[in-house]
């Protein structure tokens, strides 16, 4: 049997499973309105490479302030 055929199925599916879980996590965060620091960093590096990045704490604080500082933006 070849080396590729001797690997366990779990070894071949671990990376795709992690990728799927990362995407599911991103979708859930988007649906519930949670800020995504990883997406922010990716966006800043791709589109604004010369700008300084906020720390994760600063990013979360800014996102939550922007979300809850607008009157009438809550559903309940």
PDB file of N, CA and C in Angstrom:
ATOM      1  N   UNK A   1       0.851  -1.180   0.000  1.00  0.00           N
ATOM      2  CA  UNK A   1       0.000   0.000   0.000  1.00  0.00           C
ATOM      3  C   UNK A   1       0.888   1.231   0.000  1.00  0.00           C
ATOM      4  N   UNK A   2       0.509   2.244  -0.747  1.00  0.00           N
ATOM      5  CA  UNK A   2       1.317   3.460  -0.820  1.00  0.00           C
ATOM      6  C   UNK A   2       1.221   4.251   0.468  1.00  0.00           C
ATOM      7  N   UNK A   3       2.156   5.192   0.627  1.00  0.00           N
ATOM      8  CA  UNK A   3       2.174   6.015   1.831  1.00  0.00           C
ATOM      9  C   UNK A   3       0.902   6.848   1.951  1.00  0.00           C
ATOM     10  N   UNK A   4       0.427   7.400   0.826  1.00  0.00           N
ATOM     11  CA  UNK A   4      -0.788   8.220   0.850  1.00  0.00           C
ATOM     12  C   UNK A   4      -1.991   7.396   1.255  1.00  0.00           C
ATOM     13  N   UNK A   5      -2.034   6.133   0.839  1.00  0.00           N
ATOM     14  CA  UNK A   5      -3.166   5.284   1.177  1.00  0.00           C
ATOM     15  C   UNK A   5      -3.116   4.791   2.606  1.00  0.00           C
ATOM     16  N   UNK A   6      -1.961   4.861   3.259  1.00  0.00           N
ATOM     17  CA  UNK A   6      -1.836   4.361   4.625  1.00  0.00           C
ATOM     18  C   UNK A   6      -2.197   5.404   5.676  1.00  0.00           C
ATOM     19  N   UNK A   7      -2.393   6.654   5.243  1.00  0.00           N
ATOM     20  CA  UNK A   7      -2.763   7.687   6.213  1.00  0.00           C
ATOM     21  C   UNK A   7      -4.183   7.484   6.693  1.00  0.00           C
ATOM     22  N   UNK A   8      -4.406   7.858   7.918  1.00  0.00           N
ATOM     23  CA  UNK A   8      -5.746   7.759   8.473  1.00  0.00           C
ATOM     24  C   UNK A   8      -6.639   8.826   7.860  1.00  0.00           C
ATOM     25  N   UNK A   9      -7.926   8.563   7.702  1.00  0.00           N
ATOM     26  CA  UNK A   9      -8.836   9.564   7.137  1.00  0.00           C
ATOM     27  C   UNK A   9      -8.858  10.855   7.951  1.00  0.00           C
ATOM     28  N   UNK A  10      -8.684  10.763   9.258  1.00  0.00           N
ATOM     29  CA  UNK A  10      -8.698  11.954  10.103  1.00  0.00           C
ATOM     30  C   UNK A  10      -7.568  12.906   9.730  1.00  0.00           C
ATOM     31  N   UNK A  11      -6.414  12.371   9.357  1.00  0.00           N
ATOM     32  CA  UNK A  11      -5.269  13.202   9.007  1.00  0.00           C
ATOM     33  C   UNK A  11      -5.537  13.978   7.730  1.00  0.00           C
ATOM     34  N   UNK A  12      -6.266  13.379   6.812  1.00  0.00           N
ATOM     35  CA  UNK A  12      -6.567  14.057   5.553  1.00  0.00           C
ATOM     36  C   UNK A  12      -7.667  15.097   5.708  1.00  0.00           C
ATOM     37  N   UNK A  13      -8.518  14.966   6.696  1.00  0.00           N
ATOM     38  CA  UNK A  13      -9.646  15.888   6.844  1.00  0.00           C
ATOM     39  C   UNK A  13      -9.437  16.926   7.932  1.00  0.00           C
ATOM     40  N   UNK A  14      -8.353  16.871   8.667  1.00  0.00           N
ATOM     41  CA  UNK A  14      -8.136  17.809   9.774  1.00  0.00           C
ATOM     42  C   UNK A  14      -8.036  19.247   9.284  1.00  0.00           C
ATOM     43  N   UNK A  15      -7.244  19.506   8.247  1.00  0.00           N
ATOM     44  CA  UNK A  15      -7.085  20.876   7.749  1.00  0.00           C
ATOM     45  C   UNK A  15      -8.387  21.403   7.149  1.00  0.00           C
ATOM     46  N   UNK A  16      -9.060  20.638   6.270  1.00  0.00           N
ATOM     47  CA  UNK A  16     -10.335  21.148   5.752  1.00  0.00           C
ATOM     48  C   UNK A  16     -11.367  21.366   6.862  1.00  0.00           C
ATOM     49  N   UNK A  17     -11.378  20.509   7.858  1.00  0.00           N
ATOM     50  CA  UNK A  17     -12.325  20.657   8.959  1.00  0.00           C
ATOM     51  C   UNK A  17     -12.040  21.939   9.731  1.00  0.00           C
ATOM     52  N   UNK A  18     -10.754  22.238   9.953  1.00  0.00           N
ATOM     53  CA  UNK A  18     -10.390  23.478  10.653  1.00  0.00           C
ATOM     54  C   UNK A  18     -10.799  24.689   9.828  1.00  0.00           C
ATOM     55  N   UNK A  19     -10.627  24.604   8.517  1.00  0.00           N
ATOM     56  CA  UNK A  19     -11.020  25.698   7.633  1.00  0.00           C
ATOM     57  C   UNK A  19     -12.533  25.905   7.668  1.00  0.00           C
ATOM     58  N   UNK A  20     -13.276  24.821   7.632  1.00  0.00           N
ATOM     59  CA  UNK A  20     -14.739  24.915   7.693  1.00  0.00           C
ATOM     60  C   UNK A  20     -15.167  25.512   9.031  1.00  0.00           C
ATOM     61  N   UNK A  21     -14.547  25.080  10.104  1.00  0.00           N
ATOM     62  CA  UNK A  21     -14.905  25.606  11.427  1.00  0.00           C
ATOM     63  C   UNK A  21     -14.578  27.094  11.530  1.00  0.00           C
ATOM     64  N   UNK A  22     -13.478  27.522  10.936  1.00  0.00           N
ATOM     65  CA  UNK A  22     -13.117  28.943  10.955  1.00  0.00           C
ATOM     66  C   UNK A  22     -14.169  29.748  10.189  1.00  0.00           C
ATOM     67  N   UNK A  23     -14.640  29.223   9.067  1.00  0.00           N
ATOM     68  CA  UNK A  23     -15.671  29.920   8.293  1.00  0.00           C
ATOM     69  C   UNK A  23     -16.999  29.944   9.032  1.00  0.00           C
ATOM     70  N   UNK A  24     -17.356  28.832   9.675  1.00  0.00           N
ATOM     71  CA  UNK A  24     -18.592  28.787  10.468  1.00  0.00           C
ATOM     72  C   UNK A  24     -18.504  29.810  11.592  1.00  0.00           C
ATOM     73  N   UNK A  25     -17.362  29.884  12.249  1.00  0.00           N
ATOM     74  CA  UNK A  25     -17.153  30.852  13.327  1.00  0.00           C
ATOM     75  C   UNK A  25     -17.329  32.276  12.805  1.00  0.00           C
ATOM     76  N   UNK A  26     -16.768  32.564  11.636  1.00  0.00           N
ATOM     77  CA  UNK A  26     -16.886  33.906  11.062  1.00  0.00           C
ATOM     78  C   UNK A  26     -18.342  34.230  10.733  1.00  0.00           C
ATOM     79  N   UNK A  27     -19.084  33.266  10.194  1.00  0.00           N
ATOM     80  CA  UNK A  27     -20.489  33.495   9.862  1.00  0.00           C
ATOM     81  C   UNK A  27     -21.309  33.744  11.125  1.00  0.00           C
ATOM     82  N   UNK A  28     -21.080  32.942  12.147  1.00  0.00           N
ATOM     83  CA  UNK A  28     -21.825  33.112  13.398  1.00  0.00           C
ATOM     84  C   UNK A  28     -21.526  34.476  14.005  1.00  0.00           C
ATOM     85  N   UNK A  29     -20.259  34.865  14.016  1.00  0.00           N
ATOM     86  CA  UNK A  29     -19.896  36.181  14.558  1.00  0.00           C
ATOM     87  C   UNK A  29     -20.583  37.291  13.770  1.00  0.00           C
ATOM     88  N   UNK A  30     -20.662  37.137  12.455  1.00  0.00           N
ATOM     89  CA  UNK A  30     -21.320  38.133  11.615  1.00  0.00           C
ATOM     90  C   UNK A  30     -22.815  38.196  11.918  1.00  0.00           C
ATOM     91  N   UNK A  31     -23.442  37.038  12.047  1.00  0.00           N
ATOM     92  CA  UNK A  31     -24.879  36.983  12.310  1.00  0.00           C
ATOM     93  C   UNK A  31     -25.231  37.637  13.641  1.00  0.00           C
ATOM     94  N   UNK A  32     -24.428  37.398  14.663  1.00  0.00           N
ATOM     95  CA  UNK A  32     -24.741  37.972  15.970  1.00  0.00           C
ATOM     96  C   UNK A  32     -24.180  39.376  16.142  1.00  0.00           C
ATOM     97  N   UNK A  33     -23.440  39.844  15.140  1.00  0.00           N
ATOM     98  CA  UNK A  33     -22.930  41.214  15.182  1.00  0.00           C
ATOM     99  C   UNK A  33     -21.667  41.397  15.990  1.00  0.00           C
ATOM    100  N   UNK A  34     -20.938  40.322  16.235  1.00  0.00           N
ATOM    101  CA  UNK A  34     -19.687  40.422  16.988  1.00  0.00           C
ATOM    102  C   UNK A  34     -18.571  40.921  16.083  1.00  0.00           C
ATOM    103  N   UNK A  35     -17.762  41.869  16.546  1.00  0.00           N
ATOM    104  CA  UNK A  35     -16.655  42.367  15.735  1.00  0.00           C
ATOM    105  C   UNK A  35     -15.622  41.275  15.475  1.00  0.00           C
ATOM    106  N   UNK A  36     -15.035  41.283  14.301  1.00  0.00           N
ATOM    107  CA  UNK A  36     -14.065  40.263  13.894  1.00  0.00           C
ATOM    108  C   UNK A  36     -12.692  40.912  13.725  1.00  0.00           C
ATOM    109  N   UNK A  37     -11.844  40.781  14.728  1.00  0.00           N
ATOM    110  CA  UNK A  37     -10.527  41.406  14.718  1.00  0.00           C
ATOM    111  C   UNK A  37      -9.647  40.842  13.605  1.00  0.00           C
ATOM    112  N   UNK A  38      -9.740  39.555  13.349  1.00  0.00           N
ATOM    113  CA  UNK A  38      -8.938  38.936  12.293  1.00  0.00           C
ATOM    114  C   UNK A  38      -9.277  39.536  10.934  1.00  0.00           C
ATOM    115  N   UNK A  39     -10.558  39.731  10.663  1.00  0.00           N
ATOM    116  CA  UNK A  39     -10.975  40.334   9.394  1.00  0.00           C
ATOM    117  C   UNK A  39     -10.491  41.788   9.315  1.00  0.00           C
ATOM    118  N   UNK A  40     -10.531  42.495  10.445  1.00  0.00           N
ATOM    119  CA  UNK A  40     -10.038  43.877  10.496  1.00  0.00           C
ATOM    120  C   UNK A  40      -8.551  43.933  10.148  1.00  0.00           C
ATOM    121  N   UNK A  41      -7.767  43.049  10.744  1.00  0.00           N
ATOM    122  CA  UNK A  41      -6.320  43.029  10.488  1.00  0.00           C
ATOM    123  C   UNK A  41      -6.055  42.693   9.017  1.00  0.00           C
ATOM    124  N   UNK A  42      -6.772  41.703   8.486  1.00  0.00           N
ATOM    125  CA  UNK A  42      -6.601  41.326   7.079  1.00  0.00           C
ATOM    126  C   UNK A  42      -6.940  42.502   6.169  1.00  0.00           C
ATOM    127  N   UNK A  43      -8.054  43.167   6.446  1.00  0.00           N
ATOM    128  CA  UNK A  43      -8.469  44.317   5.642  1.00  0.00           C
ATOM    129  C   UNK A  43      -7.427  45.433   5.702  1.00  0.00           C
ATOM    130  N   UNK A  44      -6.971  45.758   6.893  1.00  0.00           N
ATOM    131  CA  UNK A  44      -5.995  46.834   7.047  1.00  0.00           C
ATOM    132  C   UNK A  44      -4.693  46.517   6.320  1.00  0.00           C
ATOM    133  N   UNK A  45      -4.224  45.277   6.416  1.00  0.00           N
ATOM    134  CA  UNK A  45      -2.982  44.891   5.742  1.00  0.00           C
ATOM    135  C   UNK A  45      -3.123  44.923   4.226  1.00  0.00           C
ATOM    136  N   UNK A  46      -4.299  44.544   3.707  1.00  0.00           N
ATOM    137  CA  UNK A  46      -4.508  44.511   2.257  1.00  0.00           C
ATOM    138  C   UNK A  46      -4.769  45.904   1.681  1.00  0.00           C
ATOM    139  N   UNK A  47      -5.558  46.713   2.379  1.00  0.00           N
ATOM    140  CA  UNK A  47      -6.023  47.979   1.809  1.00  0.00           C
ATOM    141  C   UNK A  47      -5.368  49.231   2.390  1.00  0.00           C
ATOM    142  N   UNK A  48      -4.798  49.140   3.570  1.00  0.00           N
ATOM    143  CA  UNK A  48      -4.183  50.296   4.233  1.00  0.00           C
ATOM    144  C   UNK A  48      -2.858  49.878   4.876  1.00  0.00           C
ATOM    145  N   UNK A  49      -1.907  49.406   4.081  1.00  0.00           N
ATOM    146  CA  UNK A  49      -0.674  48.842   4.655  1.00  0.00           C
ATOM    147  C   UNK A  49       0.161  49.825   5.468  1.00  0.00           C
ATOM    148  N   UNK A  50       0.037  51.117   5.236  1.00  0.00           N
ATOM    149  CA  UNK A  50       0.847  52.081   5.966  1.00  0.00           C
ATOM    150  C   UNK A  50       0.240  52.536   7.277  1.00  0.00           C
ATOM    151  N   UNK A  51      -1.002  52.181   7.530  1.00  0.00           N
ATOM    152  CA  UNK A  51      -1.700  52.639   8.744  1.00  0.00           C
ATOM    153  C   UNK A  51      -1.384  51.734   9.929  1.00  0.00           C
ATOM    154  N   UNK A  52      -1.357  52.344  11.098  1.00  0.00           N
ATOM    155  CA  UNK A  52      -1.126  51.583  12.329  1.00  0.00           C
ATOM    156  C   UNK A  52      -2.395  50.809  12.685  1.00  0.00           C
ATOM    157  N   UNK A  53      -2.200  49.591  13.186  1.00  0.00           N
ATOM    158  CA  UNK A  53      -3.327  48.758  13.602  1.00  0.00           C
ATOM    159  C   UNK A  53      -3.698  49.061  15.046  1.00  0.00           C
ATOM    160  N   UNK A  54      -4.987  48.980  15.335  1.00  0.00           N
ATOM    161  CA  UNK A  54      -5.442  49.059  16.715  1.00  0.00           C
ATOM    162  C   UNK A  54      -5.125  47.731  17.390  1.00  0.00           C
ATOM    163  N   UNK A  55      -4.930  47.767  18.683  1.00  0.00           N
ATOM    164  CA  UNK A  55      -4.799  46.509  19.412  1.00  0.00           C
ATOM    165  C   UNK A  55      -6.175  45.851  19.420  1.00  0.00           C
ATOM    166  N   UNK A  56      -6.236  44.579  19.758  1.00  0.00           N
ATOM    167  CA  UNK A  56      -7.533  43.891  19.773  1.00  0.00           C
ATOM    168  C   UNK A  56      -8.481  44.539  20.775  1.00  0.00           C
ATOM    169  N   UNK A  57      -7.971  44.943  21.917  1.00  0.00           N
ATOM    170  CA  UNK A  57      -8.803  45.611  22.914  1.00  0.00           C
ATOM    171  C   UNK A  57      -9.330  46.947  22.422  1.00  0.00           C
ATOM    172  N   UNK A  58      -8.460  47.734  21.782  1.00  0.00           N
ATOM    173  CA  UNK A  58      -8.883  49.020  21.224  1.00  0.00           C
ATOM    174  C   UNK A  58      -9.929  48.825  20.130  1.00  0.00           C
ATOM    175  N   UNK A  59      -9.714  47.806  19.281  1.00  0.00           N
ATOM    176  CA  UNK A  59     -10.655  47.510  18.208  1.00  0.00           C
ATOM    177  C   UNK A  59     -12.030  47.147  18.772  1.00  0.00           C
ATOM    178  N   UNK A  60     -12.054  46.259  19.746  1.00  0.00           N
ATOM    179  CA  UNK A  60     -13.329  45.838  20.333  1.00  0.00           C
ATOM    180  C   UNK A  60     -14.032  47.009  21.012  1.00  0.00           C
ATOM    181  N   UNK A  61     -13.269  47.825  21.726  1.00  0.00           N
ATOM    182  CA  UNK A  61     -13.844  48.985  22.400  1.00  0.00           C
ATOM    183  C   UNK A  61     -14.448  49.957  21.388  1.00  0.00           C
ATOM    184  N   UNK A  62     -13.726  50.211  20.301  1.00  0.00           N
ATOM    185  CA  UNK A  62     -14.220  51.117  19.264  1.00  0.00           C
ATOM    186  C   UNK A  62     -15.482  50.559  18.597  1.00  0.00           C
ATOM    187  N   UNK A  63     -15.482  49.268  18.311  1.00  0.00           N
ATOM    188  CA  UNK A  63     -16.647  48.647  17.665  1.00  0.00           C
ATOM    189  C   UNK A  63     -17.879  48.677  18.564  1.00  0.00           C
ATOM    190  N   UNK A  64     -17.698  48.367  19.831  1.00  0.00           N
ATOM    191  CA  UNK A  64     -18.834  48.369  20.755  1.00  0.00           C
ATOM    192  C   UNK A  64     -19.346  49.786  21.010  1.00  0.00           C
ATOM    193  N   UNK A  65     -18.439  50.745  21.094  1.00  0.00           N
ATOM    194  CA  UNK A  65     -18.846  52.142  21.268  1.00  0.00           C
ATOM    195  C   UNK A  65     -19.644  52.605  20.053  1.00  0.00           C
ATOM    196  N   UNK A  66     -19.170  52.290  18.866  1.00  0.00           N
ATOM    197  CA  UNK A  66     -19.883  52.683  17.642  1.00  0.00           C
ATOM    198  C   UNK A  66     -21.246  52.014  17.561  1.00  0.00           C
ATOM    199  N   UNK A  67     -21.327  50.788  17.995  1.00  0.00           N
ATOM    200  CA  UNK A  67     -22.596  50.044  17.911  1.00  0.00           C
ATOM    201  C   UNK A  67     -23.640  50.579  18.875  1.00  0.00           C
ATOM    202  N   UNK A  68     -23.240  50.878  20.099  1.00  0.00           N
ATOM    203  CA  UNK A  68     -24.218  51.236  21.127  1.00  0.00           C
ATOM    204  C   UNK A  68     -24.332  52.730  21.404  1.00  0.00           C
ATOM    205  N   UNK A  69     -23.569  53.572  20.709  1.00  0.00           N
ATOM    206  CA  UNK A  69     -23.647  55.000  20.967  1.00  0.00           C
ATOM    207  C   UNK A  69     -24.723  55.682  20.120  1.00  0.00           C
ATOM    208  N   UNK A  70     -25.262  54.972  19.124  1.00  0.00           N
ATOM    209  CA  UNK A  70     -26.275  55.559  18.255  1.00  0.00           C
ATOM    210  C   UNK A  70     -27.665  55.298  18.830  1.00  0.00           C
ATOM    211  N   UNK A  71     -28.387  56.348  19.225  1.00  0.00           N
ATOM    212  CA  UNK A  71     -29.741  56.144  19.768  1.00  0.00           C
ATOM    213  C   UNK A  71     -30.661  55.531  18.708  1.00  0.00           C
ATOM    214  N   UNK A  72     -31.516  54.640  19.149  1.00  0.00           N
ATOM    215  CA  UNK A  72     -32.472  54.034  18.243  1.00  0.00           C
ATOM    216  C   UNK A  72     -31.915  52.886  17.421  1.00  0.00           C
ATOM    217  N   UNK A  73     -30.672  52.490  17.656  1.00  0.00           N
ATOM    218  CA  UNK A  73     -30.082  51.430  16.853  1.00  0.00           C
ATOM    219  C   UNK A  73     -30.338  50.045  17.445  1.00  0.00           C
ATOM    220  N   UNK A  74     -30.966  49.985  18.617  1.00  0.00           N
ATOM    221  CA  UNK A  74     -31.256  48.703  19.244  1.00  0.00           C
ATOM    222  C   UNK A  74     -32.650  48.240  18.888  1.00  0.00           C
ATOM    223  N   UNK A  75     -32.834  46.947  18.845  1.00  0.00           N
ATOM    224  CA  UNK A  75     -34.144  46.406  18.502  1.00  0.00           C
ATOM    225  C   UNK A  75     -35.027  46.254  19.745  1.00  0.00           C
ATOM    226  N   UNK A  76     -34.440  46.222  20.931  1.00  0.00           N
ATOM    227  CA  UNK A  76     -35.238  45.988  22.142  1.00  0.00           C
ATOM    228  C   UNK A  76     -34.973  47.060  23.192  1.00  0.00           C
TER     229      UNK A  76
END
